Amino acid sequence: MTPHHAELLEFLRLSEPTPAAKALLKRTAQQFVLDHGWWYEPIEIPETITPGTIQECHKNAVDLKLADSSLIYCEGYALFEGGSLPMIHAWVTDGQGRAIDNTWPHPGVAYAGVPFKSLFVNITNLKNRAIVSLIDDYMNGWPLRGDLGDRPGEWLEIRGRGTRRIT
């Protein structure tokens, strides 16, 4: 485990829900990633992929997935560079555990996330009439942080596994 992975893992493990969130939801977004997530290896974006718009990672990742059906949408937390704060983020993977991130000007240093089925991503975006975070889907009452998070058969894309489980 690299120091960047250790930094991101500590963030995920130390994130505690507020009392109000604890009463409303089964898990935090960080706990969801710990329970179902994988580590992904950052790579330089291939020349065939166009850089996306900064601060639109969810849309950028969905657009990549729609343009190439072999890519798998992933969402979780990432570190842009050493010393930065972990942030909720989206990217795609090629099914080989690599993080392809066309949002940041260069790859992040650590990616921990969950691969999602295309159908689940598309239905959620249509329901919301917007492309938003699946893990932090406030528009639908955070379903993955509630009971839906206990039913990975509905949303987990096993082809998109990373290099190794987070825990």
N, C-alpha and C. Protein backbone atom coordinates (compact mmCIF):
# COMPACT_ATOMS: atom_id res chain seq x y z
N MET A 1 0.85 -1.19 0.00
CA MET A 1 0.00 0.00 0.00
C MET A 1 0.89 1.23 0.00
N THR A 2 0.59 2.14 -0.91
CA THR A 2 1.37 3.37 -1.00
C THR A 2 0.95 4.34 0.12
N PRO A 3 1.76 5.34 0.41
CA PRO A 3 1.35 6.36 1.38
C PRO A 3 0.05 7.06 0.98
N HIS A 4 -0.18 7.24 -0.32
CA HIS A 4 -1.41 7.89 -0.78
C HIS A 4 -2.63 6.99 -0.52
N HIS A 5 -2.46 5.68 -0.74
CA HIS A 5 -3.55 4.75 -0.43
C HIS A 5 -3.84 4.78 1.08
N ALA A 6 -2.79 4.79 1.87
CA ALA A 6 -2.96 4.81 3.33
C ALA A 6 -3.69 6.09 3.77
N GLU A 7 -3.35 7.20 3.14
CA GLU A 7 -4.01 8.48 3.46
C GLU A 7 -5.50 8.42 3.12
N LEU A 8 -5.82 7.89 1.95
CA LEU A 8 -7.21 7.78 1.53
C LEU A 8 -7.97 6.78 2.41
N LEU A 9 -7.34 5.67 2.74
CA LEU A 9 -7.97 4.66 3.59
C LEU A 9 -8.26 5.23 4.98
N GLU A 10 -7.34 5.99 5.52
CA GLU A 10 -7.57 6.60 6.84
C GLU A 10 -8.77 7.55 6.79
N PHE A 11 -8.87 8.34 5.72
CA PHE A 11 -10.01 9.23 5.55
C PHE A 11 -11.31 8.44 5.53
N LEU A 12 -11.34 7.36 4.77
CA LEU A 12 -12.56 6.55 4.68
C LEU A 12 -12.93 5.95 6.02
N ARG A 13 -11.95 5.47 6.75
CA ARG A 13 -12.21 4.82 8.04
C ARG A 13 -12.60 5.79 9.14
N LEU A 14 -12.12 7.01 9.08
CA LEU A 14 -12.35 7.97 10.17
C LEU A 14 -13.59 8.84 9.96
N SER A 15 -14.24 8.71 8.85
CA SER A 15 -15.42 9.53 8.58
C SER A 15 -16.61 9.01 9.38
N GLU A 16 -17.07 9.80 10.29
CA GLU A 16 -18.19 9.41 11.17
C GLU A 16 -19.45 10.16 10.77
N PRO A 17 -20.59 9.50 10.77
CA PRO A 17 -21.84 10.20 10.45
C PRO A 17 -22.26 11.12 11.58
N THR A 18 -22.96 12.17 11.22
CA THR A 18 -23.54 13.04 12.23
C THR A 18 -24.69 12.28 12.89
N PRO A 19 -25.13 12.68 14.07
CA PRO A 19 -26.26 11.99 14.71
C PRO A 19 -27.51 11.97 13.82
N ALA A 20 -27.77 13.07 13.10
CA ALA A 20 -28.95 13.12 12.23
C ALA A 20 -28.81 12.13 11.08
N ALA A 21 -27.62 12.04 10.50
CA ALA A 21 -27.39 11.09 9.41
C ALA A 21 -27.50 9.66 9.91
N LYS A 22 -26.99 9.41 11.09
CA LYS A 22 -27.05 8.07 11.68
C LYS A 22 -28.51 7.62 11.86
N ALA A 23 -29.38 8.55 12.22
CA ALA A 23 -30.79 8.22 12.41
C ALA A 23 -31.50 7.98 11.08
N LEU A 24 -31.00 8.60 10.01
CA LEU A 24 -31.66 8.54 8.71
C LEU A 24 -31.12 7.43 7.81
N LEU A 25 -29.81 7.18 7.85
CA LEU A 25 -29.16 6.29 6.89
C LEU A 25 -28.40 5.16 7.58
N LYS A 26 -28.20 4.08 6.87
CA LYS A 26 -27.46 2.93 7.40
C LYS A 26 -25.95 3.14 7.40
N ARG A 27 -25.48 3.96 6.46
CA ARG A 27 -24.03 4.10 6.29
C ARG A 27 -23.70 5.46 5.68
N THR A 28 -22.48 5.89 5.90
CA THR A 28 -21.99 7.10 5.24
C THR A 28 -21.54 6.73 3.83
N ALA A 29 -21.28 7.72 3.02
CA ALA A 29 -20.74 7.48 1.69
C ALA A 29 -19.39 6.77 1.80
N GLN A 30 -18.60 7.17 2.79
CA GLN A 30 -17.30 6.55 3.00
C GLN A 30 -17.45 5.08 3.40
N GLN A 31 -18.41 4.78 4.26
CA GLN A 31 -18.64 3.39 4.66
C GLN A 31 -19.10 2.55 3.47
N PHE A 32 -19.92 3.14 2.60
CA PHE A 32 -20.36 2.44 1.40
C PHE A 32 -19.15 2.03 0.56
N VAL A 33 -18.20 2.95 0.38
CA VAL A 33 -17.00 2.65 -0.41
C VAL A 33 -16.15 1.61 0.31
N LEU A 34 -16.03 1.69 1.61
CA LEU A 34 -15.29 0.66 2.35
C LEU A 34 -15.93 -0.72 2.19
N ASP A 35 -17.25 -0.76 2.24
CA ASP A 35 -17.97 -2.04 2.16
C ASP A 35 -17.91 -2.67 0.77
N HIS A 36 -17.95 -1.86 -0.28
CA HIS A 36 -18.10 -2.40 -1.63
C HIS A 36 -16.98 -2.01 -2.59
N GLY A 37 -16.01 -1.26 -2.12
CA GLY A 37 -15.04 -0.65 -3.02
C GLY A 37 -13.78 -1.43 -3.30
N TRP A 38 -13.10 -0.94 -4.32
CA TRP A 38 -11.86 -1.49 -4.83
C TRP A 38 -10.85 -0.37 -5.02
N TRP A 39 -9.57 -0.74 -5.02
CA TRP A 39 -8.52 0.20 -5.39
C TRP A 39 -8.35 0.16 -6.90
N TYR A 40 -8.12 1.31 -7.49
CA TYR A 40 -7.88 1.43 -8.93
C TYR A 40 -6.53 2.07 -9.17
N GLU A 41 -5.87 1.62 -10.20
CA GLU A 41 -4.55 2.11 -10.57
C GLU A 41 -4.69 3.29 -11.54
N PRO A 42 -4.22 4.48 -11.15
CA PRO A 42 -4.34 5.62 -12.06
C PRO A 42 -3.42 5.46 -13.26
N ILE A 43 -3.93 5.84 -14.43
CA ILE A 43 -3.12 5.84 -15.65
C ILE A 43 -3.31 7.17 -16.36
N GLU A 44 -2.37 7.48 -17.24
CA GLU A 44 -2.53 8.65 -18.10
C GLU A 44 -3.70 8.38 -19.03
N ILE A 45 -4.49 9.40 -19.34
CA ILE A 45 -5.63 9.14 -20.22
C ILE A 45 -5.11 8.84 -21.63
N PRO A 46 -5.70 7.82 -22.23
CA PRO A 46 -5.28 7.48 -23.60
C PRO A 46 -5.52 8.64 -24.56
N GLU A 47 -4.72 8.70 -25.60
CA GLU A 47 -4.84 9.79 -26.58
C GLU A 47 -6.20 9.81 -27.26
N THR A 48 -6.88 8.67 -27.27
CA THR A 48 -8.19 8.59 -27.93
C THR A 48 -9.32 9.20 -27.10
N ILE A 49 -9.01 9.56 -25.84
CA ILE A 49 -10.03 10.12 -24.94
C ILE A 49 -9.81 11.63 -24.81
N THR A 50 -10.88 12.36 -25.02
CA THR A 50 -10.84 13.82 -24.92
C THR A 50 -10.94 14.24 -23.46
N PRO A 51 -10.14 15.21 -23.04
CA PRO A 51 -10.29 15.72 -21.66
C PRO A 51 -11.70 16.27 -21.45
N GLY A 52 -12.21 16.04 -20.25
CA GLY A 52 -13.54 16.52 -19.90
C GLY A 52 -13.47 17.89 -19.24
N THR A 53 -14.60 18.32 -18.75
CA THR A 53 -14.70 19.62 -18.09
C THR A 53 -14.35 19.48 -16.61
N ILE A 54 -13.50 20.37 -16.13
CA ILE A 54 -13.11 20.38 -14.72
C ILE A 54 -14.37 20.53 -13.87
N GLN A 55 -14.42 19.85 -12.74
CA GLN A 55 -15.52 19.87 -11.77
C GLN A 55 -16.81 19.24 -12.29
N GLU A 56 -16.73 18.45 -13.36
CA GLU A 56 -17.90 17.73 -13.87
C GLU A 56 -17.56 16.25 -14.02
N CYS A 57 -16.95 15.69 -12.99
CA CYS A 57 -16.45 14.31 -13.09
C CYS A 57 -17.55 13.30 -13.37
N HIS A 58 -18.71 13.46 -12.75
CA HIS A 58 -19.79 12.49 -12.96
C HIS A 58 -20.25 12.51 -14.42
N LYS A 59 -20.45 13.69 -14.96
CA LYS A 59 -20.85 13.82 -16.36
C LYS A 59 -19.75 13.30 -17.28
N ASN A 60 -18.50 13.66 -16.99
CA ASN A 60 -17.39 13.21 -17.83
C ASN A 60 -17.32 11.69 -17.87
N ALA A 61 -17.46 11.05 -16.72
CA ALA A 61 -17.38 9.59 -16.66
C ALA A 61 -18.57 8.95 -17.38
N VAL A 62 -19.76 9.50 -17.20
CA VAL A 62 -20.94 8.98 -17.91
C VAL A 62 -20.74 9.12 -19.42
N ASP A 63 -20.26 10.27 -19.86
CA ASP A 63 -20.03 10.49 -21.29
C ASP A 63 -19.04 9.47 -21.85
N LEU A 64 -17.96 9.18 -21.11
CA LEU A 64 -16.98 8.18 -21.56
C LEU A 64 -17.62 6.80 -21.67
N LYS A 65 -18.41 6.44 -20.66
CA LYS A 65 -19.09 5.15 -20.65
C LYS A 65 -20.05 5.03 -21.83
N LEU A 66 -20.79 6.10 -22.12
CA LEU A 66 -21.72 6.08 -23.24
C LEU A 66 -21.01 6.00 -24.59
N ALA A 67 -19.84 6.61 -24.68
CA ALA A 67 -19.09 6.60 -25.93
C ALA A 67 -18.40 5.27 -26.20
N ASP A 68 -18.09 4.53 -25.13
CA ASP A 68 -17.38 3.26 -25.27
C ASP A 68 -17.96 2.26 -24.28
N SER A 69 -18.75 1.32 -24.79
CA SER A 69 -19.46 0.38 -23.91
C SER A 69 -18.53 -0.59 -23.18
N SER A 70 -17.25 -0.63 -23.54
CA SER A 70 -16.32 -1.49 -22.80
C SER A 70 -15.86 -0.86 -21.49
N LEU A 71 -16.10 0.44 -21.34
CA LEU A 71 -15.70 1.15 -20.12
C LEU A 71 -16.81 1.03 -19.08
N ILE A 72 -16.41 1.08 -17.82
CA ILE A 72 -17.34 0.90 -16.71
C ILE A 72 -17.26 2.12 -15.80
N TYR A 73 -18.42 2.68 -15.48
CA TYR A 73 -18.51 3.85 -14.60
C TYR A 73 -18.16 3.45 -13.17
N CYS A 74 -17.30 4.23 -12.54
CA CYS A 74 -16.90 4.02 -11.14
C CYS A 74 -17.07 5.32 -10.37
N GLU A 75 -17.39 5.15 -9.11
CA GLU A 75 -17.55 6.31 -8.26
C GLU A 75 -17.02 5.97 -6.87
N GLY A 76 -16.41 6.94 -6.25
CA GLY A 76 -15.87 6.75 -4.91
C GLY A 76 -15.14 7.99 -4.46
N TYR A 77 -13.94 7.78 -3.95
CA TYR A 77 -13.11 8.88 -3.48
C TYR A 77 -11.75 8.80 -4.12
N ALA A 78 -11.15 9.96 -4.33
CA ALA A 78 -9.83 10.02 -4.94
C ALA A 78 -9.04 11.16 -4.32
N LEU A 79 -7.73 11.02 -4.43
CA LEU A 79 -6.80 12.07 -4.06
C LEU A 79 -6.19 12.61 -5.34
N PHE A 80 -6.24 13.92 -5.51
CA PHE A 80 -5.67 14.52 -6.72
C PHE A 80 -4.15 14.45 -6.67
N GLU A 81 -3.59 14.84 -5.56
CA GLU A 81 -2.15 14.76 -5.36
C GLU A 81 -1.87 14.69 -3.87
N GLY A 82 -0.66 14.32 -3.52
CA GLY A 82 -0.30 14.21 -2.11
C GLY A 82 -0.61 15.48 -1.36
N GLY A 83 -1.23 15.36 -0.21
CA GLY A 83 -1.55 16.52 0.61
C GLY A 83 -2.90 17.14 0.29
N SER A 84 -3.54 16.71 -0.78
CA SER A 84 -4.87 17.24 -1.09
C SER A 84 -5.90 16.50 -0.24
N LEU A 85 -7.08 17.04 -0.15
CA LEU A 85 -8.15 16.38 0.59
C LEU A 85 -8.82 15.34 -0.30
N PRO A 86 -9.16 14.18 0.25
CA PRO A 86 -9.92 13.21 -0.53
C PRO A 86 -11.27 13.82 -0.91
N MET A 87 -11.70 13.53 -2.12
CA MET A 87 -12.99 14.07 -2.56
C MET A 87 -13.79 13.00 -3.27
N ILE A 88 -15.11 13.13 -3.17
CA ILE A 88 -15.98 12.23 -3.92
C ILE A 88 -15.71 12.50 -5.40
N HIS A 89 -15.62 11.42 -6.18
CA HIS A 89 -15.15 11.58 -7.55
C HIS A 89 -15.69 10.44 -8.41
N ALA A 90 -15.69 10.63 -9.71
CA ALA A 90 -16.12 9.60 -10.65
C ALA A 90 -15.10 9.48 -11.78
N TRP A 91 -14.95 8.26 -12.29
CA TRP A 91 -14.03 7.96 -13.38
C TRP A 91 -14.57 6.71 -14.06
N VAL A 92 -13.87 6.21 -15.06
CA VAL A 92 -14.23 4.93 -15.66
C VAL A 92 -13.04 3.99 -15.50
N THR A 93 -13.34 2.71 -15.63
CA THR A 93 -12.28 1.71 -15.65
C THR A 93 -12.44 0.87 -16.91
N ASP A 94 -11.35 0.27 -17.30
CA ASP A 94 -11.33 -0.55 -18.51
C ASP A 94 -11.54 -2.03 -18.21
N GLY A 95 -11.88 -2.37 -16.98
CA GLY A 95 -12.07 -3.76 -16.60
C GLY A 95 -10.77 -4.44 -16.21
N GLN A 96 -9.68 -3.69 -16.20
CA GLN A 96 -8.38 -4.21 -15.80
C GLN A 96 -7.88 -3.54 -14.53
N GLY A 97 -8.77 -2.86 -13.82
CA GLY A 97 -8.40 -2.22 -12.57
C GLY A 97 -7.75 -0.86 -12.72
N ARG A 98 -7.80 -0.31 -13.91
CA ARG A 98 -7.18 1.00 -14.14
C ARG A 98 -8.23 2.09 -14.08
N ALA A 99 -7.86 3.21 -13.44
CA ALA A 99 -8.72 4.39 -13.38
C ALA A 99 -8.39 5.30 -14.55
N ILE A 100 -9.39 5.55 -15.38
CA ILE A 100 -9.25 6.48 -16.50
C ILE A 100 -10.06 7.71 -16.13
N ASP A 101 -9.35 8.79 -15.86
CA ASP A 101 -9.96 10.00 -15.31
C ASP A 101 -9.69 11.16 -16.26
N ASN A 102 -10.71 11.58 -16.99
CA ASN A 102 -10.51 12.69 -17.92
C ASN A 102 -10.98 14.03 -17.36
N THR A 103 -11.19 14.10 -16.06
CA THR A 103 -11.62 15.35 -15.43
C THR A 103 -10.42 16.17 -14.94
N TRP A 104 -9.51 15.52 -14.29
CA TRP A 104 -8.33 16.22 -13.75
C TRP A 104 -7.27 16.38 -14.83
N PRO A 105 -6.43 17.43 -14.73
CA PRO A 105 -5.41 17.66 -15.78
C PRO A 105 -4.35 16.56 -15.83
N HIS A 106 -4.17 15.86 -14.74
CA HIS A 106 -3.31 14.67 -14.71
C HIS A 106 -3.92 13.69 -13.72
N PRO A 107 -3.58 12.41 -13.82
CA PRO A 107 -4.23 11.42 -12.95
C PRO A 107 -4.02 11.72 -11.47
N GLY A 108 -5.01 11.34 -10.68
CA GLY A 108 -4.85 11.43 -9.24
C GLY A 108 -3.83 10.42 -8.75
N VAL A 109 -3.56 10.45 -7.45
CA VAL A 109 -2.55 9.54 -6.89
C VAL A 109 -3.16 8.33 -6.20
N ALA A 110 -4.48 8.37 -5.92
CA ALA A 110 -5.16 7.22 -5.31
C ALA A 110 -6.64 7.28 -5.63
N TYR A 111 -7.18 6.13 -6.01
CA TYR A 111 -8.61 6.00 -6.35
C TYR A 111 -9.19 4.80 -5.61
N ALA A 112 -10.26 5.02 -4.86
CA ALA A 112 -10.97 3.95 -4.16
C ALA A 112 -12.44 4.10 -4.51
N GLY A 113 -13.01 3.09 -5.17
CA GLY A 113 -14.38 3.27 -5.61
C GLY A 113 -15.11 1.98 -5.93
N VAL A 114 -16.32 2.17 -6.42
CA VAL A 114 -17.26 1.09 -6.69
C VAL A 114 -17.64 1.14 -8.17
N PRO A 115 -17.59 0.01 -8.88
CA PRO A 115 -18.04 -0.03 -10.27
C PRO A 115 -19.55 -0.26 -10.35
N PHE A 116 -20.23 0.48 -11.22
CA PHE A 116 -21.68 0.41 -11.31
C PHE A 116 -22.14 -0.12 -12.67
N LYS A 117 -23.24 -0.87 -12.64
CA LYS A 117 -23.87 -1.35 -13.86
C LYS A 117 -24.38 -0.16 -14.67
N SER A 118 -24.20 -0.24 -15.98
CA SER A 118 -24.65 0.85 -16.87
C SER A 118 -26.13 1.12 -16.72
N LEU A 119 -26.93 0.07 -16.64
CA LEU A 119 -28.38 0.25 -16.52
C LEU A 119 -28.73 1.04 -15.26
N PHE A 120 -28.07 0.74 -14.15
CA PHE A 120 -28.32 1.46 -12.90
C PHE A 120 -27.94 2.94 -13.04
N VAL A 121 -26.78 3.20 -13.65
CA VAL A 121 -26.33 4.58 -13.86
C VAL A 121 -27.34 5.33 -14.73
N ASN A 122 -27.75 4.72 -15.82
CA ASN A 122 -28.67 5.39 -16.75
C ASN A 122 -30.04 5.65 -16.12
N ILE A 123 -30.58 4.66 -15.42
CA ILE A 123 -31.90 4.83 -14.79
C ILE A 123 -31.85 5.93 -13.73
N THR A 124 -30.80 5.95 -12.93
CA THR A 124 -30.68 6.99 -11.90
C THR A 124 -30.59 8.37 -12.53
N ASN A 125 -29.80 8.51 -13.58
CA ASN A 125 -29.68 9.81 -14.25
C ASN A 125 -30.99 10.26 -14.88
N LEU A 126 -31.71 9.32 -15.47
CA LEU A 126 -33.01 9.66 -16.06
C LEU A 126 -34.01 10.06 -14.98
N LYS A 127 -34.01 9.31 -13.88
CA LYS A 127 -34.93 9.62 -12.78
C LYS A 127 -34.64 11.01 -12.21
N ASN A 128 -33.36 11.36 -12.10
CA ASN A 128 -32.97 12.66 -11.56
C ASN A 128 -33.06 13.79 -12.58
N ARG A 129 -33.14 13.42 -13.85
CA ARG A 129 -33.06 14.41 -14.93
C ARG A 129 -31.78 15.22 -14.82
N ALA A 130 -30.76 14.55 -14.30
CA ALA A 130 -29.45 15.17 -14.12
C ALA A 130 -28.43 14.07 -13.87
N ILE A 131 -27.17 14.38 -14.13
CA ILE A 131 -26.09 13.45 -13.81
C ILE A 131 -25.50 13.91 -12.49
N VAL A 132 -25.73 13.11 -11.46
CA VAL A 132 -25.24 13.44 -10.12
C VAL A 132 -24.53 12.23 -9.54
N SER A 133 -23.92 12.42 -8.40
CA SER A 133 -23.27 11.33 -7.69
C SER A 133 -24.28 10.25 -7.32
N LEU A 134 -23.95 9.01 -7.60
CA LEU A 134 -24.81 7.89 -7.19
C LEU A 134 -24.72 7.66 -5.70
N ILE A 135 -23.53 7.77 -5.16
CA ILE A 135 -23.31 7.52 -3.73
C ILE A 135 -23.92 8.64 -2.89
N ASP A 136 -23.89 9.85 -3.40
CA ASP A 136 -24.43 11.00 -2.67
C ASP A 136 -25.70 11.51 -3.35
N ASP A 137 -26.58 10.58 -3.74
CA ASP A 137 -27.81 10.92 -4.47
C ASP A 137 -28.87 11.48 -3.51
N TYR A 138 -28.71 12.72 -3.15
CA TYR A 138 -29.64 13.40 -2.23
C TYR A 138 -31.02 13.57 -2.85
N MET A 139 -31.08 13.59 -4.19
CA MET A 139 -32.36 13.82 -4.86
C MET A 139 -33.34 12.66 -4.61
N ASN A 140 -32.80 11.49 -4.30
CA ASN A 140 -33.63 10.31 -4.05
C ASN A 140 -33.47 9.78 -2.63
N GLY A 141 -32.98 10.60 -1.73
CA GLY A 141 -32.85 10.20 -0.32
C GLY A 141 -31.69 9.25 -0.07
N TRP A 142 -30.61 9.34 -0.84
CA TRP A 142 -29.40 8.54 -0.65
C TRP A 142 -29.67 7.03 -0.63
N PRO A 143 -30.26 6.47 -1.68
CA PRO A 143 -30.65 5.05 -1.65
C PRO A 143 -29.50 4.07 -1.41
N LEU A 144 -28.32 4.34 -1.96
CA LEU A 144 -27.20 3.42 -1.76
C LEU A 144 -26.68 3.43 -0.32
N ARG A 145 -26.96 4.50 0.38
CA ARG A 145 -26.54 4.59 1.78
C ARG A 145 -27.61 4.02 2.70
N GLY A 146 -28.72 3.59 2.11
CA GLY A 146 -29.80 2.93 2.84
C GLY A 146 -29.91 1.48 2.41
N ASP A 147 -31.15 1.01 2.27
CA ASP A 147 -31.39 -0.40 1.96
C ASP A 147 -30.85 -0.86 0.61
N LEU A 148 -30.86 0.00 -0.39
CA LEU A 148 -30.35 -0.40 -1.70
C LEU A 148 -28.88 -0.79 -1.62
N GLY A 149 -28.14 -0.19 -0.71
CA GLY A 149 -26.73 -0.54 -0.54
C GLY A 149 -26.51 -1.98 -0.10
N ASP A 150 -27.56 -2.62 0.42
CA ASP A 150 -27.49 -4.02 0.83
C ASP A 150 -27.82 -4.98 -0.31
N ARG A 151 -28.11 -4.44 -1.50
CA ARG A 151 -28.50 -5.28 -2.64
C ARG A 151 -27.58 -5.03 -3.84
N PRO A 152 -26.30 -5.40 -3.72
CA PRO A 152 -25.35 -5.11 -4.80
C PRO A 152 -25.70 -5.76 -6.14
N GLY A 153 -26.51 -6.80 -6.14
CA GLY A 153 -26.91 -7.41 -7.39
C GLY A 153 -27.63 -6.45 -8.32
N GLU A 154 -28.20 -5.39 -7.75
CA GLU A 154 -28.94 -4.41 -8.54
C GLU A 154 -28.05 -3.33 -9.16
N TRP A 155 -26.87 -3.11 -8.62
CA TRP A 155 -26.06 -1.99 -9.09
C TRP A 155 -24.58 -2.30 -9.29
N LEU A 156 -24.03 -3.31 -8.66
CA LEU A 156 -22.58 -3.59 -8.73
C LEU A 156 -22.22 -4.24 -10.05
N GLU A 157 -21.27 -3.67 -10.76
CA GLU A 157 -20.76 -4.24 -12.02
C GLU A 157 -19.45 -4.96 -11.71
N ILE A 158 -19.53 -6.26 -11.57
CA ILE A 158 -18.39 -7.06 -11.15
C ILE A 158 -17.24 -7.02 -12.17
N ARG A 159 -17.55 -6.80 -13.47
CA ARG A 159 -16.49 -6.67 -14.48
C ARG A 159 -15.57 -5.48 -14.20
N GLY A 160 -16.07 -4.54 -13.41
CA GLY A 160 -15.32 -3.32 -13.15
C GLY A 160 -14.47 -3.34 -11.90
N ARG A 161 -14.25 -4.54 -11.36
CA ARG A 161 -13.44 -4.62 -10.14
C ARG A 161 -12.07 -3.97 -10.35
N GLY A 162 -11.57 -3.42 -9.27
CA GLY A 162 -10.24 -2.81 -9.30
C GLY A 162 -9.16 -3.85 -9.09
N THR A 163 -8.00 -3.37 -8.67
CA THR A 163 -6.85 -4.26 -8.51
C THR A 163 -6.96 -5.11 -7.26
N ARG A 164 -7.61 -4.60 -6.21
CA ARG A 164 -7.83 -5.36 -4.98
C ARG A 164 -8.90 -4.67 -4.14
N ARG A 165 -9.57 -5.45 -3.28
CA ARG A 165 -10.60 -4.89 -2.41
C ARG A 165 -9.97 -3.89 -1.44
N ILE A 166 -10.76 -2.94 -1.03
CA ILE A 166 -10.25 -1.93 -0.10
C ILE A 166 -10.00 -2.55 1.27
N THR A 167 -10.96 -3.32 1.76
CA THR A 167 -10.77 -3.94 3.08
C THR A 167 -10.82 -5.45 2.97
